[in-house]
Amino acid sequence: MEGYVESSACGILAGMFLSAMILGVCVSPPPAETATGSLLRHVTASQLRHFQPSNVNYGLFPPLAGRVQKRSRNEAYAERARAAFSEWLHSLPERLLTRRS
């Protein structure tokens, strides 16, 4: 992957997955409809032989359902990502989100 934001996002996910493993809780990856989920899918599901680092781009996201006018497409991707991320965030175990001293 390329870019500071992309690298930071993957580092945060790695830390979260490690914390989940230490706490013994299951955490599903973020949905592919989100930027972090699409990056994670790109990194983990790409064929090693043909892997190319990438910044976040709409080509990494699953296609939208149905036809969407070009000028509304970015907004449709964003709305879908917000909903998917919110649902994923609420599915995370409370133990993982609780700050401990």
N, C-alpha and C. Protein backbone atom coordinates (compact mmCIF):
# COMPACT_ATOMS: atom_id res chain seq x y z
N MET A 1 0.84 -1.17 0.00
CA MET A 1 0.00 0.00 0.00
C MET A 1 0.87 1.22 0.00
N GLU A 2 0.31 2.30 -0.40
CA GLU A 2 1.05 3.56 -0.47
C GLU A 2 0.31 4.60 0.34
N GLY A 3 1.01 5.62 0.74
CA GLY A 3 0.37 6.75 1.40
C GLY A 3 0.40 6.65 2.92
N TYR A 4 0.51 7.82 3.54
CA TYR A 4 0.57 7.89 4.99
C TYR A 4 -0.75 7.48 5.63
N VAL A 5 -1.85 7.95 5.10
CA VAL A 5 -3.17 7.64 5.67
C VAL A 5 -3.45 6.15 5.55
N GLU A 6 -3.17 5.59 4.39
CA GLU A 6 -3.42 4.17 4.17
C GLU A 6 -2.56 3.31 5.11
N SER A 7 -1.30 3.67 5.24
CA SER A 7 -0.40 2.93 6.13
C SER A 7 -0.83 3.06 7.58
N SER A 8 -1.24 4.25 7.98
CA SER A 8 -1.72 4.47 9.35
C SER A 8 -2.97 3.66 9.62
N ALA A 9 -3.90 3.64 8.68
CA ALA A 9 -5.14 2.88 8.86
C ALA A 9 -4.85 1.40 9.03
N CYS A 10 -3.95 0.87 8.24
CA CYS A 10 -3.61 -0.55 8.36
C CYS A 10 -2.87 -0.83 9.66
N GLY A 11 -2.06 0.10 10.12
CA GLY A 11 -1.40 -0.06 11.41
C GLY A 11 -2.39 -0.08 12.56
N ILE A 12 -3.39 0.78 12.50
CA ILE A 12 -4.44 0.79 13.52
C ILE A 12 -5.19 -0.53 13.52
N LEU A 13 -5.53 -1.03 12.33
CA LEU A 13 -6.21 -2.33 12.25
C LEU A 13 -5.34 -3.45 12.81
N ALA A 14 -4.06 -3.43 12.49
CA ALA A 14 -3.15 -4.47 13.00
C ALA A 14 -3.12 -4.44 14.52
N GLY A 15 -3.04 -3.25 15.10
CA GLY A 15 -3.06 -3.12 16.56
C GLY A 15 -4.36 -3.61 17.16
N MET A 16 -5.46 -3.30 16.49
CA MET A 16 -6.76 -3.74 16.97
C MET A 16 -6.89 -5.26 16.91
N PHE A 17 -6.44 -5.85 15.81
CA PHE A 17 -6.51 -7.31 15.68
C PHE A 17 -5.60 -7.99 16.71
N LEU A 18 -4.45 -7.41 16.99
CA LEU A 18 -3.55 -7.97 18.01
C LEU A 18 -4.20 -7.87 19.39
N SER A 19 -4.80 -6.73 19.70
CA SER A 19 -5.49 -6.57 20.98
C SER A 19 -6.61 -7.59 21.12
N ALA A 20 -7.35 -7.80 20.04
CA ALA A 20 -8.44 -8.79 20.07
C ALA A 20 -7.89 -10.18 20.34
N MET A 21 -6.78 -10.50 19.71
CA MET A 21 -6.17 -11.82 19.90
C MET A 21 -5.72 -11.99 21.35
N ILE A 22 -5.10 -10.97 21.92
CA ILE A 22 -4.64 -11.03 23.31
C ILE A 22 -5.82 -11.16 24.27
N LEU A 23 -6.91 -10.44 23.98
CA LEU A 23 -8.09 -10.49 24.84
C LEU A 23 -8.94 -11.74 24.60
N GLY A 24 -8.64 -12.46 23.54
CA GLY A 24 -9.40 -13.66 23.23
C GLY A 24 -10.78 -13.39 22.68
N VAL A 25 -10.93 -12.29 21.96
CA VAL A 25 -12.22 -11.96 21.35
C VAL A 25 -12.10 -12.03 19.83
N CYS A 26 -13.20 -12.32 19.19
CA CYS A 26 -13.23 -12.39 17.72
C CYS A 26 -13.60 -11.03 17.15
N VAL A 27 -12.88 -10.64 16.14
CA VAL A 27 -13.16 -9.38 15.45
C VAL A 27 -13.16 -9.66 13.96
N SER A 28 -14.23 -9.30 13.31
CA SER A 28 -14.27 -9.44 11.85
C SER A 28 -13.59 -8.22 11.24
N PRO A 29 -13.03 -8.37 10.06
CA PRO A 29 -12.40 -7.21 9.40
C PRO A 29 -13.47 -6.20 8.99
N PRO A 30 -13.09 -4.95 8.80
CA PRO A 30 -14.07 -3.97 8.34
C PRO A 30 -14.60 -4.36 6.97
N PRO A 31 -15.84 -4.00 6.68
CA PRO A 31 -16.44 -4.37 5.40
C PRO A 31 -15.69 -3.79 4.20
N ALA A 32 -15.71 -4.51 3.11
CA ALA A 32 -15.03 -4.07 1.89
C ALA A 32 -15.63 -2.77 1.34
N GLU A 33 -16.82 -2.42 1.79
CA GLU A 33 -17.45 -1.17 1.33
C GLU A 33 -16.81 0.06 1.97
N THR A 34 -15.94 -0.14 2.96
CA THR A 34 -15.24 0.98 3.61
C THR A 34 -13.82 1.10 3.06
N ALA A 35 -13.22 2.25 3.25
CA ALA A 35 -11.85 2.45 2.75
C ALA A 35 -10.88 1.49 3.41
N THR A 36 -10.96 1.36 4.74
CA THR A 36 -10.04 0.45 5.43
C THR A 36 -10.30 -1.00 5.03
N GLY A 37 -11.55 -1.36 4.89
CA GLY A 37 -11.89 -2.73 4.48
C GLY A 37 -11.44 -3.04 3.07
N SER A 38 -11.60 -2.08 2.16
CA SER A 38 -11.19 -2.33 0.78
C SER A 38 -9.67 -2.43 0.68
N LEU A 39 -8.95 -1.62 1.46
CA LEU A 39 -7.49 -1.72 1.49
C LEU A 39 -7.03 -3.06 2.06
N LEU A 40 -7.66 -3.47 3.15
CA LEU A 40 -7.30 -4.74 3.77
C LEU A 40 -7.56 -5.89 2.80
N ARG A 41 -8.69 -5.84 2.12
CA ARG A 41 -8.99 -6.89 1.14
C ARG A 41 -7.97 -6.87 0.00
N HIS A 42 -7.59 -5.69 -0.44
CA HIS A 42 -6.60 -5.57 -1.52
C HIS A 42 -5.26 -6.19 -1.10
N VAL A 43 -4.84 -5.90 0.12
CA VAL A 43 -3.55 -6.40 0.61
C VAL A 43 -3.58 -7.90 0.85
N THR A 44 -4.68 -8.42 1.38
CA THR A 44 -4.72 -9.83 1.76
C THR A 44 -5.25 -10.76 0.67
N ALA A 45 -6.02 -10.24 -0.27
CA ALA A 45 -6.63 -11.12 -1.27
C ALA A 45 -5.99 -11.03 -2.65
N SER A 46 -5.11 -10.07 -2.85
CA SER A 46 -4.45 -9.96 -4.16
C SER A 46 -3.48 -11.11 -4.35
N GLN A 47 -3.33 -11.53 -5.60
CA GLN A 47 -2.35 -12.57 -5.89
C GLN A 47 -0.96 -11.98 -5.71
N LEU A 48 -0.14 -12.68 -4.96
CA LEU A 48 1.20 -12.19 -4.64
C LEU A 48 2.01 -11.87 -5.90
N ARG A 49 1.88 -12.71 -6.88
CA ARG A 49 2.65 -12.54 -8.11
C ARG A 49 2.31 -11.24 -8.84
N HIS A 50 1.05 -10.82 -8.72
CA HIS A 50 0.59 -9.63 -9.45
C HIS A 50 0.29 -8.45 -8.53
N PHE A 51 0.71 -8.53 -7.27
CA PHE A 51 0.38 -7.48 -6.30
C PHE A 51 1.01 -6.15 -6.69
N GLN A 52 0.21 -5.09 -6.57
CA GLN A 52 0.69 -3.73 -6.78
C GLN A 52 0.25 -2.89 -5.60
N PRO A 53 1.16 -2.15 -4.95
CA PRO A 53 0.73 -1.27 -3.87
C PRO A 53 -0.27 -0.25 -4.40
N SER A 54 -1.13 0.23 -3.53
CA SER A 54 -2.16 1.15 -3.99
C SER A 54 -2.59 2.10 -2.89
N ASN A 55 -2.98 3.28 -3.30
CA ASN A 55 -3.70 4.19 -2.42
C ASN A 55 -5.17 3.79 -2.49
N VAL A 56 -5.96 4.35 -1.59
CA VAL A 56 -7.41 4.11 -1.67
C VAL A 56 -7.92 4.72 -2.96
N ASN A 57 -8.72 3.97 -3.68
CA ASN A 57 -9.38 4.48 -4.87
C ASN A 57 -10.67 3.70 -5.08
N TYR A 58 -11.58 4.27 -5.84
CA TYR A 58 -12.89 3.64 -6.01
C TYR A 58 -12.81 2.28 -6.69
N GLY A 59 -11.74 2.00 -7.40
CA GLY A 59 -11.57 0.70 -8.04
C GLY A 59 -11.40 -0.44 -7.05
N LEU A 60 -11.02 -0.13 -5.80
CA LEU A 60 -10.87 -1.16 -4.77
C LEU A 60 -12.20 -1.55 -4.13
N PHE A 61 -13.20 -0.68 -4.26
CA PHE A 61 -14.49 -0.92 -3.62
C PHE A 61 -15.36 -1.85 -4.46
N PRO A 62 -16.23 -2.62 -3.81
CA PRO A 62 -17.20 -3.40 -4.59
C PRO A 62 -18.10 -2.44 -5.37
N PRO A 63 -18.58 -2.87 -6.53
CA PRO A 63 -19.44 -1.98 -7.32
C PRO A 63 -20.74 -1.65 -6.58
N LEU A 64 -21.28 -0.50 -6.91
CA LEU A 64 -22.57 -0.11 -6.35
C LEU A 64 -23.68 -0.96 -6.98
N ALA A 65 -24.73 -1.17 -6.23
CA ALA A 65 -25.87 -1.92 -6.77
C ALA A 65 -26.66 -1.02 -7.71
N GLY A 66 -26.96 -1.51 -8.87
CA GLY A 66 -27.75 -0.73 -9.83
C GLY A 66 -26.95 0.38 -10.47
N ARG A 67 -27.63 1.12 -11.30
CA ARG A 67 -26.99 2.24 -11.99
C ARG A 67 -27.10 3.49 -11.13
N VAL A 68 -25.99 4.21 -11.05
CA VAL A 68 -25.96 5.47 -10.31
C VAL A 68 -25.37 6.51 -11.24
N GLN A 69 -26.03 7.66 -11.33
CA GLN A 69 -25.52 8.72 -12.20
C GLN A 69 -24.12 9.10 -11.77
N LYS A 70 -23.30 9.44 -12.74
CA LYS A 70 -21.89 9.72 -12.49
C LYS A 70 -21.70 10.79 -11.42
N ARG A 71 -22.48 11.85 -11.47
CA ARG A 71 -22.29 12.94 -10.50
C ARG A 71 -22.73 12.56 -9.09
N SER A 72 -23.52 11.50 -8.94
CA SER A 72 -23.97 11.03 -7.62
C SER A 72 -23.17 9.85 -7.11
N ARG A 73 -22.27 9.33 -7.92
CA ARG A 73 -21.56 8.09 -7.59
C ARG A 73 -20.70 8.22 -6.34
N ASN A 74 -19.90 9.28 -6.24
CA ASN A 74 -19.03 9.45 -5.07
C ASN A 74 -19.84 9.53 -3.78
N GLU A 75 -20.94 10.26 -3.83
CA GLU A 75 -21.81 10.38 -2.66
C GLU A 75 -22.42 9.02 -2.30
N ALA A 76 -22.77 8.24 -3.30
CA ALA A 76 -23.34 6.91 -3.05
C ALA A 76 -22.30 5.99 -2.39
N TYR A 77 -21.06 6.05 -2.87
CA TYR A 77 -19.98 5.27 -2.24
C TYR A 77 -19.80 5.70 -0.78
N ALA A 78 -19.79 7.02 -0.55
CA ALA A 78 -19.58 7.54 0.81
C ALA A 78 -20.71 7.13 1.75
N GLU A 79 -21.94 7.25 1.30
CA GLU A 79 -23.08 6.87 2.15
C GLU A 79 -23.04 5.38 2.48
N ARG A 80 -22.74 4.57 1.49
CA ARG A 80 -22.66 3.13 1.73
C ARG A 80 -21.53 2.81 2.71
N ALA A 81 -20.40 3.49 2.56
CA ALA A 81 -19.26 3.26 3.46
C ALA A 81 -19.59 3.69 4.89
N ARG A 82 -20.24 4.83 5.05
CA ARG A 82 -20.61 5.29 6.40
C ARG A 82 -21.52 4.29 7.09
N ALA A 83 -22.51 3.81 6.38
CA ALA A 83 -23.45 2.85 6.96
C ALA A 83 -22.75 1.54 7.31
N ALA A 84 -21.91 1.05 6.42
CA ALA A 84 -21.20 -0.22 6.66
C ALA A 84 -20.22 -0.08 7.82
N PHE A 85 -19.51 1.06 7.89
CA PHE A 85 -18.53 1.25 8.96
C PHE A 85 -19.23 1.37 10.31
N SER A 86 -20.34 2.10 10.34
CA SER A 86 -21.09 2.25 11.59
C SER A 86 -21.58 0.89 12.09
N GLU A 87 -22.12 0.09 11.19
CA GLU A 87 -22.60 -1.24 11.56
C GLU A 87 -21.43 -2.10 12.08
N TRP A 88 -20.30 -2.04 11.41
CA TRP A 88 -19.12 -2.81 11.83
C TRP A 88 -18.63 -2.34 13.20
N LEU A 89 -18.56 -1.03 13.38
CA LEU A 89 -18.09 -0.47 14.65
C LEU A 89 -18.97 -0.93 15.81
N HIS A 90 -20.28 -0.95 15.59
CA HIS A 90 -21.20 -1.39 16.65
C HIS A 90 -21.13 -2.89 16.89
N SER A 91 -20.54 -3.64 15.97
CA SER A 91 -20.42 -5.09 16.15
C SER A 91 -19.17 -5.48 16.94
N LEU A 92 -18.27 -4.52 17.17
CA LEU A 92 -17.03 -4.83 17.88
C LEU A 92 -17.31 -5.13 19.35
N PRO A 93 -16.59 -6.09 19.91
CA PRO A 93 -16.79 -6.43 21.33
C PRO A 93 -16.46 -5.25 22.23
N GLU A 94 -17.27 -5.04 23.25
CA GLU A 94 -17.06 -3.94 24.19
C GLU A 94 -15.69 -4.01 24.84
N ARG A 95 -15.22 -5.21 25.13
CA ARG A 95 -13.91 -5.38 25.77
C ARG A 95 -12.80 -4.77 24.93
N LEU A 96 -12.97 -4.80 23.64
CA LEU A 96 -11.94 -4.26 22.75
C LEU A 96 -11.94 -2.74 22.76
N LEU A 97 -13.10 -2.15 22.98
CA LEU A 97 -13.24 -0.70 22.91
C LEU A 97 -13.04 0.00 24.25
N THR A 98 -13.03 -0.76 25.33
CA THR A 98 -12.92 -0.18 26.66
C THR A 98 -11.47 0.16 26.96
N ARG A 99 -11.25 1.37 27.37
CA ARG A 99 -9.90 1.81 27.73
C ARG A 99 -9.55 1.27 29.10
N ARG A 100 -8.37 0.68 29.19
CA ARG A 100 -7.92 0.14 30.48
C ARG A 100 -6.65 0.85 30.91
N SER A 101 -6.56 1.11 32.21
CA SER A 101 -5.38 1.81 32.74
C SER A 101 -4.31 0.83 33.14
